[in-house]
Amino acid sequence: MKNTIIALLIMIFGLVSCNQKNNEKASETKTPTEDTTQVYACPMHPEITGKKGDTCSKCGMELTEKVK
């Protein structure tokens, strides 16, 4: 019984350790997505900006890519 508990604890510790290493590698390789780096603006009200898929608070039009 005692050996079984020790073996289970060792297996759980090993699984948790491996999972943490995988999470660290995944977070290091992530790059910013297109949605978070681009700013969009309303065609009718260029002062209204936001992210892709947002709508203008004044006229309700969908925001398009802002021209620099």
Protein backbone atom coordinates (compact mmCIF):
# COMPACT_ATOMS: atom_id res chain seq x y z
CA MET A 1 0.00 0.00 0.00
CA LYS A 2 2.77 2.43 0.95
CA ASN A 3 4.69 1.65 -2.26
CA THR A 4 1.57 2.29 -4.35
CA ILE A 5 1.06 5.73 -2.81
CA ILE A 6 4.71 6.66 -3.35
CA ALA A 7 4.56 5.47 -6.97
CA LEU A 8 1.39 7.52 -7.59
CA LEU A 9 2.96 10.64 -6.10
CA ILE A 10 6.03 10.23 -8.30
CA MET A 11 3.86 9.80 -11.41
CA ILE A 12 1.76 12.87 -10.57
CA PHE A 13 4.88 14.96 -9.95
CA GLY A 14 6.35 13.83 -13.29
CA LEU A 15 3.18 14.65 -15.22
CA VAL A 16 2.88 18.10 -13.65
CA SER A 17 6.54 18.85 -14.36
CA CYS A 18 6.24 17.87 -18.01
CA ASN A 19 3.08 19.93 -18.43
CA GLN A 20 4.78 23.04 -17.00
CA LYS A 21 7.66 22.72 -19.48
CA ASN A 22 5.20 22.45 -22.38
CA ASN A 23 3.35 25.57 -21.22
CA GLU A 24 6.60 27.54 -20.97
CA LYS A 25 7.62 26.54 -24.51
CA ALA A 26 4.21 27.45 -25.90
CA SER A 27 4.25 30.91 -24.31
CA GLU A 28 7.75 31.62 -25.67
CA THR A 29 6.75 30.84 -29.26
CA LYS A 30 3.52 32.89 -29.32
CA THR A 31 3.59 35.97 -31.49
CA PRO A 32 1.13 38.83 -31.52
CA THR A 33 -1.82 38.16 -33.78
CA GLU A 34 -2.88 40.39 -36.59
CA ASP A 35 -5.94 41.59 -34.66
CA THR A 36 -3.94 42.96 -31.72
CA THR A 37 -1.32 44.83 -33.78
CA GLN A 38 -3.54 46.59 -36.31
CA VAL A 39 -5.73 49.59 -35.59
CA TYR A 40 -9.02 49.98 -37.40
CA ALA A 41 -11.01 53.18 -37.95
CA CYS A 42 -14.47 54.18 -39.13
CA PRO A 43 -14.55 55.33 -42.79
CA MET A 44 -16.93 58.18 -41.87
CA HIS A 45 -15.38 59.09 -38.50
CA PRO A 46 -11.60 58.42 -38.62
CA GLU A 47 -11.20 59.58 -35.01
CA ILE A 48 -13.16 56.48 -33.87
CA THR A 49 -10.69 53.59 -33.66
CA GLY A 50 -10.74 50.05 -32.34
CA LYS A 51 -9.93 46.46 -33.17
CA LYS A 52 -11.13 44.28 -36.05
CA GLY A 53 -14.85 43.55 -35.88
CA ASP A 54 -15.75 46.60 -33.77
CA THR A 55 -18.34 49.10 -34.92
CA CYS A 56 -18.33 52.88 -34.86
CA SER A 57 -20.01 54.35 -31.80
CA LYS A 58 -21.41 57.25 -33.85
CA CYS A 59 -22.83 55.59 -36.97
CA GLY A 60 -22.61 51.84 -36.36
CA MET A 61 -20.43 51.09 -39.41
CA GLU A 62 -17.86 48.32 -39.14
CA LEU A 63 -14.33 49.60 -38.59
CA THR A 64 -11.94 49.11 -41.52
CA GLU A 65 -8.15 49.19 -41.65
CA LYS A 66 -6.80 52.63 -40.87
CA VAL A 67 -4.81 54.26 -43.66
CA LYS A 68 -1.54 55.72 -42.43
